[in-house]
Amino acid sequence: MLDLKDVAKNFDQVLARLKTRGSALELGPFQDWVAQRRDLIQASEALAAQRNQINEEIKAKAQNDPSAVEAIRGRMKELSAQLKDKETHLKEVEDLLQKALYDIPNVPHESVPVGASADDNVVV
């Protein structure tokens, strides 16, 4: 199986090399999924950081003002729900990417002659 980072980074080269092999593989949404994955990871990390910051606020205010803690916990529950939704969507996108990577054949080396079958090879 191919590496996600390599395929995403060199997407055009991978497509070009697969076309020399005669592959008619449709990878249209692949780059969209990669972008979605990147955005979801960033959003999840931002929400997790906010949740951690709110958790620190709860620790600080728990001793001084216990009544304010309930309002903060409500915000924390909202953030946790949003984070869970993002992580669920991220898992779905990663599953789509993994399936796409399983479907992509190995990329032929640059020295491999262009052609769809062994009949196109040069006889030495």
N, C-alpha and C. Protein backbone atom coordinates (compact mmCIF):
# COMPACT_ATOMS: atom_id res chain seq x y z
N MET A 1 0.84 -1.18 0.00
CA MET A 1 0.00 0.00 0.00
C MET A 1 0.89 1.24 0.00
N LEU A 2 0.44 2.25 -0.69
CA LEU A 2 1.19 3.49 -0.79
C LEU A 2 1.00 4.34 0.46
N ASP A 3 1.95 5.24 0.69
CA ASP A 3 1.90 6.12 1.85
C ASP A 3 1.06 7.35 1.53
N LEU A 4 0.16 7.70 2.43
CA LEU A 4 -0.74 8.83 2.23
C LEU A 4 0.02 10.13 2.02
N LYS A 5 1.05 10.37 2.83
CA LYS A 5 1.81 11.62 2.70
C LYS A 5 2.49 11.71 1.34
N ASP A 6 3.07 10.61 0.89
CA ASP A 6 3.76 10.62 -0.40
C ASP A 6 2.79 10.86 -1.56
N VAL A 7 1.65 10.19 -1.52
CA VAL A 7 0.67 10.35 -2.60
C VAL A 7 0.10 11.76 -2.58
N ALA A 8 -0.21 12.28 -1.40
CA ALA A 8 -0.77 13.64 -1.30
C ALA A 8 0.24 14.68 -1.76
N LYS A 9 1.49 14.49 -1.39
CA LYS A 9 2.53 15.47 -1.74
C LYS A 9 2.85 15.43 -3.23
N ASN A 10 2.89 14.25 -3.81
CA ASN A 10 3.28 14.07 -5.21
C ASN A 10 2.11 13.56 -6.05
N PHE A 11 0.93 14.09 -5.81
CA PHE A 11 -0.28 13.57 -6.44
C PHE A 11 -0.21 13.58 -7.96
N ASP A 12 0.21 14.69 -8.53
CA ASP A 12 0.27 14.79 -9.99
C ASP A 12 1.28 13.81 -10.59
N GLN A 13 2.41 13.63 -9.91
CA GLN A 13 3.42 12.69 -10.39
C GLN A 13 2.91 11.25 -10.32
N VAL A 14 2.19 10.93 -9.24
CA VAL A 14 1.63 9.58 -9.09
C VAL A 14 0.64 9.32 -10.22
N LEU A 15 -0.24 10.28 -10.48
CA LEU A 15 -1.21 10.11 -11.57
C LEU A 15 -0.51 9.94 -12.92
N ALA A 16 0.51 10.74 -13.16
CA ALA A 16 1.24 10.65 -14.42
C ALA A 16 1.90 9.28 -14.57
N ARG A 17 2.52 8.78 -13.50
CA ARG A 17 3.18 7.47 -13.57
C ARG A 17 2.15 6.35 -13.76
N LEU A 18 0.98 6.48 -13.14
CA LEU A 18 -0.05 5.45 -13.31
C LEU A 18 -0.61 5.46 -14.72
N LYS A 19 -0.68 6.63 -15.34
CA LYS A 19 -1.17 6.71 -16.72
C LYS A 19 -0.21 6.04 -17.68
N THR A 20 1.09 6.06 -17.38
CA THR A 20 2.05 5.37 -18.25
C THR A 20 1.83 3.87 -18.20
N ARG A 21 1.24 3.41 -17.14
CA ARG A 21 0.94 2.00 -16.96
C ARG A 21 -0.37 1.62 -17.65
N GLY A 22 -1.13 2.64 -18.06
CA GLY A 22 -2.41 2.37 -18.70
C GLY A 22 -3.55 2.33 -17.70
N SER A 23 -3.33 2.84 -16.53
CA SER A 23 -4.35 2.81 -15.48
C SER A 23 -5.36 3.93 -15.70
N ALA A 24 -6.63 3.59 -15.63
CA ALA A 24 -7.70 4.58 -15.76
C ALA A 24 -8.36 4.79 -14.41
N LEU A 25 -7.57 4.85 -13.38
CA LEU A 25 -8.08 4.99 -12.02
C LEU A 25 -8.62 6.39 -11.80
N GLU A 26 -9.79 6.49 -11.19
CA GLU A 26 -10.41 7.79 -10.90
C GLU A 26 -10.08 8.19 -9.47
N LEU A 27 -9.27 9.22 -9.33
CA LEU A 27 -8.86 9.70 -8.01
C LEU A 27 -9.29 11.14 -7.78
N GLY A 28 -10.38 11.55 -8.40
CA GLY A 28 -10.84 12.93 -8.31
C GLY A 28 -11.01 13.45 -6.90
N PRO A 29 -11.76 12.76 -6.04
CA PRO A 29 -12.00 13.31 -4.70
C PRO A 29 -10.83 13.12 -3.73
N PHE A 30 -9.77 12.47 -4.14
CA PHE A 30 -8.67 12.16 -3.23
C PHE A 30 -8.09 13.43 -2.61
N GLN A 31 -7.81 14.42 -3.43
CA GLN A 31 -7.22 15.66 -2.91
C GLN A 31 -8.20 16.40 -2.00
N ASP A 32 -9.49 16.32 -2.31
CA ASP A 32 -10.49 16.93 -1.44
C ASP A 32 -10.49 16.26 -0.07
N TRP A 33 -10.38 14.93 -0.08
CA TRP A 33 -10.35 14.20 1.19
C TRP A 33 -9.10 14.54 2.00
N VAL A 34 -7.98 14.70 1.31
CA VAL A 34 -6.74 15.08 2.00
C VAL A 34 -6.90 16.45 2.64
N ALA A 35 -7.51 17.39 1.92
CA ALA A 35 -7.73 18.73 2.46
C ALA A 35 -8.71 18.69 3.63
N GLN A 36 -9.77 17.89 3.50
CA GLN A 36 -10.73 17.75 4.60
C GLN A 36 -10.05 17.16 5.83
N ARG A 37 -9.23 16.15 5.61
CA ARG A 37 -8.52 15.51 6.72
C ARG A 37 -7.64 16.52 7.44
N ARG A 38 -6.89 17.31 6.67
CA ARG A 38 -6.01 18.32 7.26
C ARG A 38 -6.82 19.35 8.06
N ASP A 39 -7.93 19.82 7.49
CA ASP A 39 -8.77 20.80 8.18
C ASP A 39 -9.39 20.22 9.45
N LEU A 40 -9.83 18.97 9.37
CA LEU A 40 -10.45 18.34 10.54
C LEU A 40 -9.43 18.10 11.65
N ILE A 41 -8.22 17.75 11.28
CA ILE A 41 -7.17 17.57 12.29
C ILE A 41 -6.88 18.89 12.99
N GLN A 42 -6.77 19.96 12.21
CA GLN A 42 -6.51 21.28 12.81
C GLN A 42 -7.66 21.71 13.71
N ALA A 43 -8.90 21.51 13.26
CA ALA A 43 -10.05 21.89 14.06
C ALA A 43 -10.13 21.06 15.34
N SER A 44 -9.85 19.77 15.23
CA SER A 44 -9.87 18.90 16.41
C SER A 44 -8.82 19.31 17.43
N GLU A 45 -7.63 19.63 16.93
CA GLU A 45 -6.56 20.05 17.84
C GLU A 45 -6.90 21.37 18.52
N ALA A 46 -7.53 22.29 17.78
CA ALA A 46 -7.93 23.57 18.36
C ALA A 46 -9.00 23.37 19.43
N LEU A 47 -9.97 22.51 19.15
CA LEU A 47 -11.02 22.22 20.14
C LEU A 47 -10.44 21.53 21.37
N ALA A 48 -9.51 20.62 21.17
CA ALA A 48 -8.88 19.94 22.30
C ALA A 48 -8.10 20.93 23.15
N ALA A 49 -7.43 21.88 22.51
CA ALA A 49 -6.69 22.90 23.26
C ALA A 49 -7.64 23.78 24.07
N GLN A 50 -8.78 24.15 23.46
CA GLN A 50 -9.78 24.93 24.20
C GLN A 50 -10.33 24.15 25.38
N ARG A 51 -10.59 22.86 25.15
CA ARG A 51 -11.11 22.02 26.23
C ARG A 51 -10.10 21.93 27.37
N ASN A 52 -8.83 21.79 27.04
CA ASN A 52 -7.80 21.73 28.08
C ASN A 52 -7.71 23.05 28.84
N GLN A 53 -7.85 24.15 28.12
CA GLN A 53 -7.81 25.46 28.77
C GLN A 53 -9.00 25.63 29.71
N ILE A 54 -10.17 25.20 29.28
CA ILE A 54 -11.36 25.29 30.14
C ILE A 54 -11.20 24.38 31.35
N ASN A 55 -10.59 23.24 31.16
CA ASN A 55 -10.34 22.33 32.28
C ASN A 55 -9.44 23.00 33.32
N GLU A 56 -8.44 23.74 32.85
CA GLU A 56 -7.57 24.47 33.78
C GLU A 56 -8.35 25.56 34.52
N GLU A 57 -9.28 26.22 33.81
CA GLU A 57 -10.13 27.23 34.46
C GLU A 57 -10.98 26.59 35.55
N ILE A 58 -11.51 25.42 35.26
CA ILE A 58 -12.34 24.72 36.25
C ILE A 58 -11.51 24.40 37.48
N LYS A 59 -10.30 23.93 37.29
CA LYS A 59 -9.43 23.63 38.43
C LYS A 59 -9.15 24.87 39.26
N ALA A 60 -8.92 26.00 38.58
CA ALA A 60 -8.60 27.24 39.30
C ALA A 60 -9.80 27.79 40.04
N LYS A 61 -10.99 27.72 39.43
CA LYS A 61 -12.18 28.31 40.04
C LYS A 61 -12.90 27.38 40.99
N ALA A 62 -12.58 26.12 40.98
CA ALA A 62 -13.28 25.15 41.82
C ALA A 62 -13.12 25.48 43.30
N GLN A 63 -11.97 25.97 43.68
CA GLN A 63 -11.73 26.27 45.09
C GLN A 63 -12.31 27.62 45.48
N ASN A 64 -12.27 28.61 44.57
CA ASN A 64 -12.70 29.96 44.90
C ASN A 64 -14.19 30.19 44.70
N ASP A 65 -14.74 29.73 43.57
CA ASP A 65 -16.13 30.03 43.23
C ASP A 65 -16.79 28.79 42.62
N PRO A 66 -17.28 27.88 43.44
CA PRO A 66 -17.88 26.64 42.94
C PRO A 66 -19.10 26.87 42.05
N SER A 67 -19.83 27.98 42.23
CA SER A 67 -21.02 28.21 41.41
C SER A 67 -20.66 28.55 39.96
N ALA A 68 -19.52 29.17 39.74
CA ALA A 68 -19.09 29.51 38.39
C ALA A 68 -18.63 28.28 37.62
N VAL A 69 -18.31 27.24 38.33
CA VAL A 69 -17.81 26.02 37.69
C VAL A 69 -18.88 25.37 36.82
N GLU A 70 -20.14 25.44 37.25
CA GLU A 70 -21.22 24.81 36.48
C GLU A 70 -21.37 25.42 35.09
N ALA A 71 -21.27 26.74 35.00
CA ALA A 71 -21.37 27.40 33.69
C ALA A 71 -20.20 27.00 32.80
N ILE A 72 -19.04 26.91 33.39
CA ILE A 72 -17.85 26.52 32.63
C ILE A 72 -17.96 25.07 32.17
N ARG A 73 -18.52 24.22 33.01
CA ARG A 73 -18.69 22.81 32.64
C ARG A 73 -19.65 22.67 31.45
N GLY A 74 -20.65 23.54 31.38
CA GLY A 74 -21.55 23.53 30.23
C GLY A 74 -20.80 23.81 28.94
N ARG A 75 -19.91 24.81 28.97
CA ARG A 75 -19.07 25.10 27.80
C ARG A 75 -18.18 23.92 27.45
N MET A 76 -17.67 23.28 28.50
CA MET A 76 -16.78 22.14 28.27
C MET A 76 -17.54 20.99 27.62
N LYS A 77 -18.78 20.76 28.03
CA LYS A 77 -19.58 19.69 27.42
C LYS A 77 -19.85 19.99 25.95
N GLU A 78 -20.12 21.26 25.64
CA GLU A 78 -20.34 21.65 24.24
C GLU A 78 -19.09 21.39 23.41
N LEU A 79 -17.95 21.81 23.95
CA LEU A 79 -16.69 21.59 23.24
C LEU A 79 -16.40 20.10 23.05
N SER A 80 -16.69 19.32 24.08
CA SER A 80 -16.45 17.88 23.98
C SER A 80 -17.33 17.25 22.91
N ALA A 81 -18.59 17.71 22.82
CA ALA A 81 -19.50 17.19 21.79
C ALA A 81 -19.01 17.58 20.39
N GLN A 82 -18.58 18.84 20.25
CA GLN A 82 -18.05 19.28 18.95
C GLN A 82 -16.80 18.48 18.58
N LEU A 83 -15.94 18.26 19.55
CA LEU A 83 -14.71 17.51 19.32
C LEU A 83 -15.03 16.08 18.89
N LYS A 84 -16.01 15.47 19.54
CA LYS A 84 -16.39 14.11 19.19
C LYS A 84 -16.93 14.05 17.76
N ASP A 85 -17.73 15.05 17.37
CA ASP A 85 -18.25 15.10 16.00
C ASP A 85 -17.11 15.23 14.99
N LYS A 86 -16.16 16.11 15.28
CA LYS A 86 -15.02 16.30 14.38
C LYS A 86 -14.21 15.01 14.26
N GLU A 87 -13.98 14.34 15.38
CA GLU A 87 -13.20 13.11 15.35
C GLU A 87 -13.93 12.00 14.60
N THR A 88 -15.26 11.95 14.72
CA THR A 88 -16.03 10.96 13.98
C THR A 88 -15.93 11.22 12.48
N HIS A 89 -16.08 12.49 12.11
CA HIS A 89 -15.97 12.85 10.69
C HIS A 89 -14.56 12.59 10.17
N LEU A 90 -13.56 12.87 11.00
CA LEU A 90 -12.17 12.61 10.63
C LEU A 90 -11.96 11.12 10.37
N LYS A 91 -12.52 10.29 11.21
CA LYS A 91 -12.39 8.83 11.04
C LYS A 91 -13.01 8.40 9.71
N GLU A 92 -14.17 8.98 9.37
CA GLU A 92 -14.83 8.64 8.11
C GLU A 92 -13.96 9.04 6.91
N VAL A 93 -13.39 10.24 6.96
CA VAL A 93 -12.53 10.71 5.87
C VAL A 93 -11.27 9.86 5.78
N GLU A 94 -10.69 9.50 6.92
CA GLU A 94 -9.49 8.65 6.90
C GLU A 94 -9.80 7.27 6.34
N ASP A 95 -11.00 6.75 6.63
CA ASP A 95 -11.39 5.46 6.05
C ASP A 95 -11.51 5.55 4.53
N LEU A 96 -12.09 6.66 4.04
CA LEU A 96 -12.18 6.86 2.59
C LEU A 96 -10.79 6.93 1.96
N LEU A 97 -9.88 7.63 2.62
CA LEU A 97 -8.52 7.74 2.11
C LEU A 97 -7.82 6.39 2.10
N GLN A 98 -7.99 5.61 3.17
CA GLN A 98 -7.36 4.29 3.22
C GLN A 98 -7.88 3.39 2.11
N LYS A 99 -9.20 3.43 1.89
CA LYS A 99 -9.78 2.62 0.82
C LYS A 99 -9.21 3.06 -0.54
N ALA A 100 -9.09 4.36 -0.74
CA ALA A 100 -8.53 4.86 -2.00
C ALA A 100 -7.08 4.41 -2.15
N LEU A 101 -6.32 4.45 -1.07
CA LEU A 101 -4.91 4.02 -1.13
C LEU A 101 -4.80 2.53 -1.44
N TYR A 102 -5.74 1.73 -0.91
CA TYR A 102 -5.73 0.30 -1.22
C TYR A 102 -6.01 0.05 -2.70
N ASP A 103 -6.82 0.92 -3.31
CA ASP A 103 -7.20 0.75 -4.71
C ASP A 103 -6.13 1.22 -5.68
N ILE A 104 -5.21 2.06 -5.22
CA ILE A 104 -4.17 2.58 -6.10
C ILE A 104 -3.08 1.51 -6.26
N PRO A 105 -2.78 1.12 -7.50
CA PRO A 105 -1.71 0.13 -7.68
C PRO A 105 -0.34 0.77 -7.42
N ASN A 106 0.66 -0.06 -7.31
CA ASN A 106 2.02 0.45 -7.13
C ASN A 106 2.40 1.31 -8.32
N VAL A 107 3.12 2.36 -8.02
CA VAL A 107 3.54 3.30 -9.06
C VAL A 107 4.77 2.71 -9.76
N PRO A 108 4.73 2.61 -11.09
CA PRO A 108 5.88 2.05 -11.80
C PRO A 108 7.08 3.00 -11.76
N HIS A 109 8.24 2.43 -11.79
CA HIS A 109 9.48 3.21 -11.80
C HIS A 109 9.57 4.00 -13.10
N GLU A 110 10.34 5.06 -13.07
CA GLU A 110 10.49 5.92 -14.24
C GLU A 110 11.10 5.19 -15.43
N SER A 111 11.88 4.14 -15.17
CA SER A 111 12.53 3.41 -16.25
C SER A 111 11.59 2.43 -16.95
N VAL A 112 10.41 2.20 -16.39
CA VAL A 112 9.46 1.27 -16.99
C VAL A 112 8.90 1.90 -18.26
N PRO A 113 8.91 1.16 -19.38
CA PRO A 113 8.40 1.73 -20.63
C PRO A 113 6.90 2.00 -20.55
N VAL A 114 6.47 2.99 -21.32
CA VAL A 114 5.06 3.37 -21.35
C VAL A 114 4.29 2.30 -22.10
N GLY A 115 3.18 1.87 -21.53
CA GLY A 115 2.34 0.88 -22.19
C GLY A 115 1.38 0.23 -21.22
N ALA A 116 0.33 -0.35 -21.79
CA ALA A 116 -0.71 -0.94 -20.96
C ALA A 116 -0.45 -2.41 -20.66
N SER A 117 0.39 -3.06 -21.47
CA SER A 117 0.62 -4.48 -21.25
C SER A 117 2.08 -4.82 -21.54
N ALA A 118 2.41 -6.09 -21.39
CA ALA A 118 3.77 -6.55 -21.64
C ALA A 118 4.12 -6.48 -23.13
N ASP A 119 3.11 -6.43 -23.99
CA ASP A 119 3.36 -6.34 -25.43
C ASP A 119 4.03 -5.02 -25.81
N ASP A 120 3.88 -4.00 -24.97
CA ASP A 120 4.45 -2.69 -25.25
C ASP A 120 5.91 -2.59 -24.81
N ASN A 121 6.43 -3.61 -24.14
CA ASN A 121 7.81 -3.58 -23.68
C ASN A 121 8.78 -3.75 -24.85
N VAL A 122 9.93 -3.15 -24.70
CA VAL A 122 10.98 -3.27 -25.71
C VAL A 122 11.72 -4.59 -25.46
N VAL A 123 11.88 -5.38 -26.51
CA VAL A 123 12.59 -6.65 -26.39
C VAL A 123 14.08 -6.36 -26.47
N VAL A 124 14.82 -6.87 -25.50
CA VAL A 124 16.25 -6.62 -25.44
C VAL A 124 16.99 -7.76 -26.07
